[in-house]
Amino acid sequence: MTIMKKDFLLTRLCEKHHELSGIRDSIGQATEMIVKSYNAGGKLLICGNGGSSSDSQHLVGELMKSFECRRPLDISFKKRLTAISGTRGRYLAEKLEHGLPAISLSAHTSLATAISNDTDPKLIFAQQIVGYGNENDILIAISTSGNSPNVIDACITATAMNLKVIGITGRTGGKMKQYCDVVINVPEDETAGVQELQLPVLHAICRIVENHFYGQNRK
């Protein structure tokens, strides 16, 4: 990872949000873990309820396409696209871009309702981890309290499958912190306050990770 750029982005985050200075190292550790996962061919599985569910999908949106950097396809892939379909292949080669693999476990309504109806509503995330999870993957578990049963079950299942777990939560870390490799516990207690601080943390993570892989292509 480009240490200078990472430090700059973390410093900028803490200058804008002084209250996050105490968890700067945890945010840095989380980005290092994510970069290592991507370098090993892994992906992110992200879960949360309510506003945290929205944040999980927001995070996927920043990772799976360009955020602040251009992500052009490899020349060899562009050539394959063009060879397969001429004009349309050239269009795809121009418009498609690299993605950093991430899946929101809140996004699959039919699957979640099937698990809820047939098994147990608390297992909607854990069941997906069993299906999607591989050893080089990371679970990002978002919970304002750290006590959401379905998120805790996801953390336990991910740990059992040898995934790393990053918890993004409120001040205490709640019950799920014992199942996390890194806990990013923003210093707030009320739900709205926790979520207001989690968003700049998520953006900082996206900026740092994207800059590691595509920083030479800033828009």
Protein backbone atom coordinates (compact mmCIF):
# COMPACT_ATOMS: atom_id res chain seq x y z
CA MET A 1 0.00 0.00 0.00
CA THR A 2 1.19 3.54 -0.74
CA ILE A 3 1.90 4.53 2.85
CA MET A 4 2.10 8.26 2.11
CA LYS A 5 -1.30 8.34 0.40
CA LYS A 6 -2.89 6.18 3.08
CA ASP A 7 -1.54 8.44 5.84
CA PHE A 8 -2.70 11.54 3.97
CA LEU A 9 -6.26 10.22 3.61
CA LEU A 10 -6.42 9.11 7.25
CA THR A 11 -5.08 12.49 8.38
CA ARG A 12 -7.66 14.28 6.24
CA LEU A 13 -10.43 12.14 7.74
CA CYS A 14 -9.32 12.91 11.29
CA GLU A 15 -8.95 16.62 10.57
CA LYS A 16 -12.54 16.77 9.34
CA HIS A 17 -13.82 14.52 12.13
CA HIS A 18 -11.57 14.99 15.17
CA GLU A 19 -13.59 12.48 17.18
CA LEU A 20 -12.34 9.70 14.87
CA SER A 21 -8.67 10.23 15.76
CA GLY A 22 -8.83 7.54 18.43
CA ILE A 23 -9.78 4.85 15.89
CA ARG A 24 -7.40 5.94 13.15
CA ASP A 25 -5.20 2.85 13.61
CA SER A 26 -8.19 0.50 13.41
CA ILE A 27 -9.31 2.08 10.13
CA GLY A 28 -5.78 1.71 8.78
CA GLN A 29 -5.65 -1.95 9.84
CA ALA A 30 -8.98 -2.59 8.11
CA THR A 31 -7.73 -1.12 4.82
CA GLU A 32 -4.56 -3.23 4.97
CA MET A 33 -6.67 -6.33 5.56
CA ILE A 34 -8.92 -5.50 2.59
CA VAL A 35 -5.98 -4.89 0.25
CA LYS A 36 -4.44 -8.20 1.31
CA SER A 37 -7.73 -9.96 0.61
CA TYR A 38 -8.05 -8.45 -2.86
CA ASN A 39 -4.44 -9.31 -3.68
CA ALA A 40 -5.23 -12.92 -2.77
CA GLY A 41 -8.29 -13.02 -5.03
CA GLY A 42 -10.79 -12.48 -2.23
CA LYS A 43 -13.95 -10.43 -1.98
CA LEU A 44 -15.93 -8.51 0.62
CA LEU A 45 -19.22 -9.75 2.07
CA ILE A 46 -21.05 -6.89 3.78
CA CYS A 47 -24.10 -7.00 6.05
CA GLY A 48 -26.22 -4.81 8.28
CA ASN A 49 -29.83 -3.97 9.18
CA GLY A 50 -31.87 -0.87 8.41
CA GLY A 51 -29.57 2.10 7.88
CA SER A 52 -26.61 -0.27 8.13
CA SER A 53 -28.15 -2.30 5.30
CA SER A 54 -28.20 0.86 3.19
CA ASP A 55 -24.58 1.50 4.14
CA SER A 56 -23.63 -2.03 3.05
CA GLN A 57 -25.12 -1.39 -0.39
CA HIS A 58 -23.53 2.07 -0.50
CA LEU A 59 -20.13 0.50 0.15
CA VAL A 60 -20.65 -2.00 -2.68
CA GLY A 61 -21.53 0.88 -5.01
CA GLU A 62 -18.22 2.63 -4.29
CA LEU A 63 -16.12 -0.54 -4.68
CA MET A 64 -17.61 -2.27 -7.71
CA LYS A 65 -17.03 0.68 -10.05
CA SER A 66 -14.85 3.76 -10.11
CA PHE A 67 -15.18 6.03 -7.08
CA GLU A 68 -12.51 8.72 -7.39
CA CYS A 69 -10.09 6.97 -9.77
CA ARG A 70 -10.46 5.66 -13.31
CA ARG A 71 -10.18 1.86 -13.53
CA PRO A 72 -9.46 0.97 -17.17
CA LEU A 73 -9.56 -2.65 -18.24
CA ASP A 74 -6.37 -4.54 -19.08
CA ILE A 75 -5.28 -4.14 -22.70
CA SER A 76 -5.46 -7.89 -23.27
CA PHE A 77 -9.10 -8.01 -22.11
CA LYS A 78 -9.99 -5.04 -24.28
CA LYS A 79 -8.54 -6.87 -27.27
CA ARG A 80 -10.56 -10.00 -26.48
CA LEU A 81 -13.77 -8.00 -26.28
CA THR A 82 -13.05 -6.36 -29.63
CA ALA A 83 -12.10 -9.67 -31.24
CA ILE A 84 -15.38 -11.26 -30.11
CA SER A 85 -17.73 -8.52 -31.25
CA GLY A 86 -16.12 -5.75 -33.27
CA THR A 87 -17.99 -2.49 -32.77
CA ARG A 88 -19.87 -3.59 -29.67
CA GLY A 89 -16.73 -5.13 -28.22
CA ARG A 90 -14.88 -1.82 -28.67
CA TYR A 91 -17.72 -0.03 -26.90
CA LEU A 92 -17.52 -2.47 -23.98
CA ALA A 93 -13.73 -2.10 -23.89
CA GLU A 94 -14.13 1.66 -23.62
CA LYS A 95 -16.95 1.75 -21.04
CA LEU A 96 -16.36 -1.22 -18.71
CA GLU A 97 -13.99 -0.80 -15.79
CA HIS A 98 -12.36 -2.88 -13.09
CA GLY A 99 -14.40 -3.61 -9.96
CA LEU A 100 -13.25 -4.44 -6.45
CA PRO A 101 -15.46 -7.47 -5.66
CA ALA A 102 -18.05 -6.82 -2.96
CA ILE A 103 -21.48 -8.29 -2.20
CA SER A 104 -24.15 -6.79 0.06
CA LEU A 105 -25.88 -9.62 1.91
CA SER A 106 -28.91 -7.32 2.29
CA ALA A 107 -29.55 -7.05 -1.44
CA HIS A 108 -31.15 -10.41 -2.23
CA THR A 109 -34.76 -10.06 -1.14
CA SER A 110 -36.03 -13.39 -2.46
CA LEU A 111 -33.20 -15.30 -0.82
CA ALA A 112 -33.52 -13.44 2.49
CA THR A 113 -37.26 -14.05 2.67
CA ALA A 114 -36.80 -17.73 1.77
CA ILE A 115 -34.26 -18.16 4.59
CA SER A 116 -36.53 -16.24 6.98
CA ASN A 117 -39.57 -18.34 6.09
CA ASP A 118 -37.92 -21.77 5.80
CA THR A 119 -35.23 -21.59 8.48
CA ASP A 120 -34.84 -18.63 10.84
CA PRO A 121 -34.87 -14.85 10.15
CA LYS A 122 -31.71 -14.47 12.24
CA LEU A 123 -29.80 -16.60 9.72
CA ILE A 124 -30.27 -14.44 6.61
CA PHE A 125 -26.63 -13.33 6.62
CA ALA A 126 -24.99 -16.45 8.06
CA GLN A 127 -26.57 -18.68 5.41
CA GLN A 128 -25.21 -16.48 2.61
CA ILE A 129 -21.73 -16.59 4.13
CA VAL A 130 -21.85 -20.38 3.99
CA GLY A 131 -22.71 -20.12 0.29
CA TYR A 132 -20.43 -17.27 -0.78
CA GLY A 133 -17.56 -17.38 1.69
CA ASN A 134 -14.00 -18.44 0.95
CA GLU A 135 -10.89 -18.24 3.12
CA ASN A 136 -9.46 -15.13 1.46
CA ASP A 137 -12.73 -13.21 1.85
CA ILE A 138 -13.62 -10.62 4.48
CA LEU A 139 -16.92 -10.03 6.23
CA ILE A 140 -17.65 -6.38 6.97
CA ALA A 141 -20.31 -6.41 9.69
CA ILE A 142 -22.05 -3.07 10.24
CA SER A 143 -24.14 -2.58 13.38
CA THR A 144 -24.73 0.63 15.32
CA SER A 145 -25.11 -1.31 18.60
CA GLY A 146 -22.93 -4.31 17.86
CA ASN A 147 -25.69 -6.46 19.29
CA SER A 148 -27.80 -7.40 16.24
CA PRO A 149 -28.34 -11.18 16.47
CA ASN A 150 -28.23 -11.78 12.70
CA VAL A 151 -25.00 -9.79 12.39
CA ILE A 152 -23.45 -11.65 15.33
CA ASP A 153 -24.42 -14.98 13.72
CA ALA A 154 -22.74 -13.78 10.53
CA CYS A 155 -19.55 -12.97 12.44
CA ILE A 156 -19.52 -16.38 14.13
CA THR A 157 -20.10 -18.19 10.84
CA ALA A 158 -17.45 -16.16 9.02
CA THR A 159 -14.90 -16.88 11.76
CA ALA A 160 -15.68 -20.60 11.58
CA MET A 161 -15.05 -20.48 7.81
CA ASN A 162 -11.69 -18.71 8.32
CA LEU A 163 -12.83 -15.39 6.92
CA LYS A 164 -11.46 -12.23 8.51
CA VAL A 165 -14.11 -10.04 10.15
CA ILE A 166 -14.15 -6.24 10.29
CA GLY A 167 -16.78 -4.83 12.65
CA ILE A 168 -18.03 -1.28 12.13
CA THR A 169 -20.08 -0.27 15.14
CA GLY A 170 -20.68 2.23 17.94
CA ARG A 171 -18.69 3.18 21.00
CA THR A 172 -18.87 -0.08 23.00
CA GLY A 173 -18.51 -2.51 20.09
CA GLY A 174 -21.36 -4.57 21.57
CA LYS A 175 -21.38 -8.35 21.72
CA MET A 176 -20.05 -8.80 18.19
CA LYS A 177 -16.62 -7.31 18.95
CA GLN A 178 -15.41 -10.63 20.37
CA TYR A 179 -15.85 -12.20 16.92
CA CYS A 180 -14.06 -9.44 14.97
CA ASP A 181 -10.43 -9.27 13.88
CA VAL A 182 -10.66 -5.47 13.69
CA VAL A 183 -13.29 -3.30 15.37
CA ILE A 184 -13.94 0.22 14.13
CA ASN A 185 -16.09 1.57 16.96
CA VAL A 186 -16.98 5.19 16.28
CA PRO A 187 -17.29 7.22 19.51
CA GLU A 188 -21.07 7.65 19.54
CA ASP A 189 -23.91 5.84 21.29
CA GLU A 190 -27.15 6.99 19.65
CA THR A 191 -28.06 5.35 16.36
CA ALA A 192 -28.15 8.55 14.30
CA GLY A 193 -24.84 9.75 15.69
CA VAL A 194 -23.16 6.40 15.05
CA GLN A 195 -24.37 6.31 11.45
CA GLU A 196 -23.29 9.89 10.83
CA LEU A 197 -19.72 8.97 11.78
CA GLN A 198 -19.71 5.59 10.04
CA LEU A 199 -20.27 7.12 6.60
CA PRO A 200 -17.01 9.13 6.49
CA VAL A 201 -15.21 6.02 7.79
CA LEU A 202 -16.64 3.94 4.93
CA HIS A 203 -15.68 6.60 2.39
CA ALA A 204 -12.15 6.75 3.79
CA ILE A 205 -11.81 2.98 3.47
CA CYS A 206 -12.99 3.14 -0.15
CA ARG A 207 -10.61 6.00 -0.96
CA ILE A 208 -7.59 4.28 0.57
CA VAL A 209 -8.25 0.89 -1.03
CA GLU A 210 -9.07 2.36 -4.44
CA ASN A 211 -5.97 4.56 -4.36
CA HIS A 212 -3.84 1.52 -3.59
CA PHE A 213 -4.91 -0.20 -6.79
CA TYR A 214 -5.79 2.70 -9.12
CA GLY A 215 -4.25 5.84 -7.63
CA GLN A 216 -2.26 6.50 -10.79
CA ASN A 217 -5.55 7.01 -12.65
CA ARG A 218 -7.22 9.76 -10.60
CA LYS A 219 -10.06 11.49 -12.45
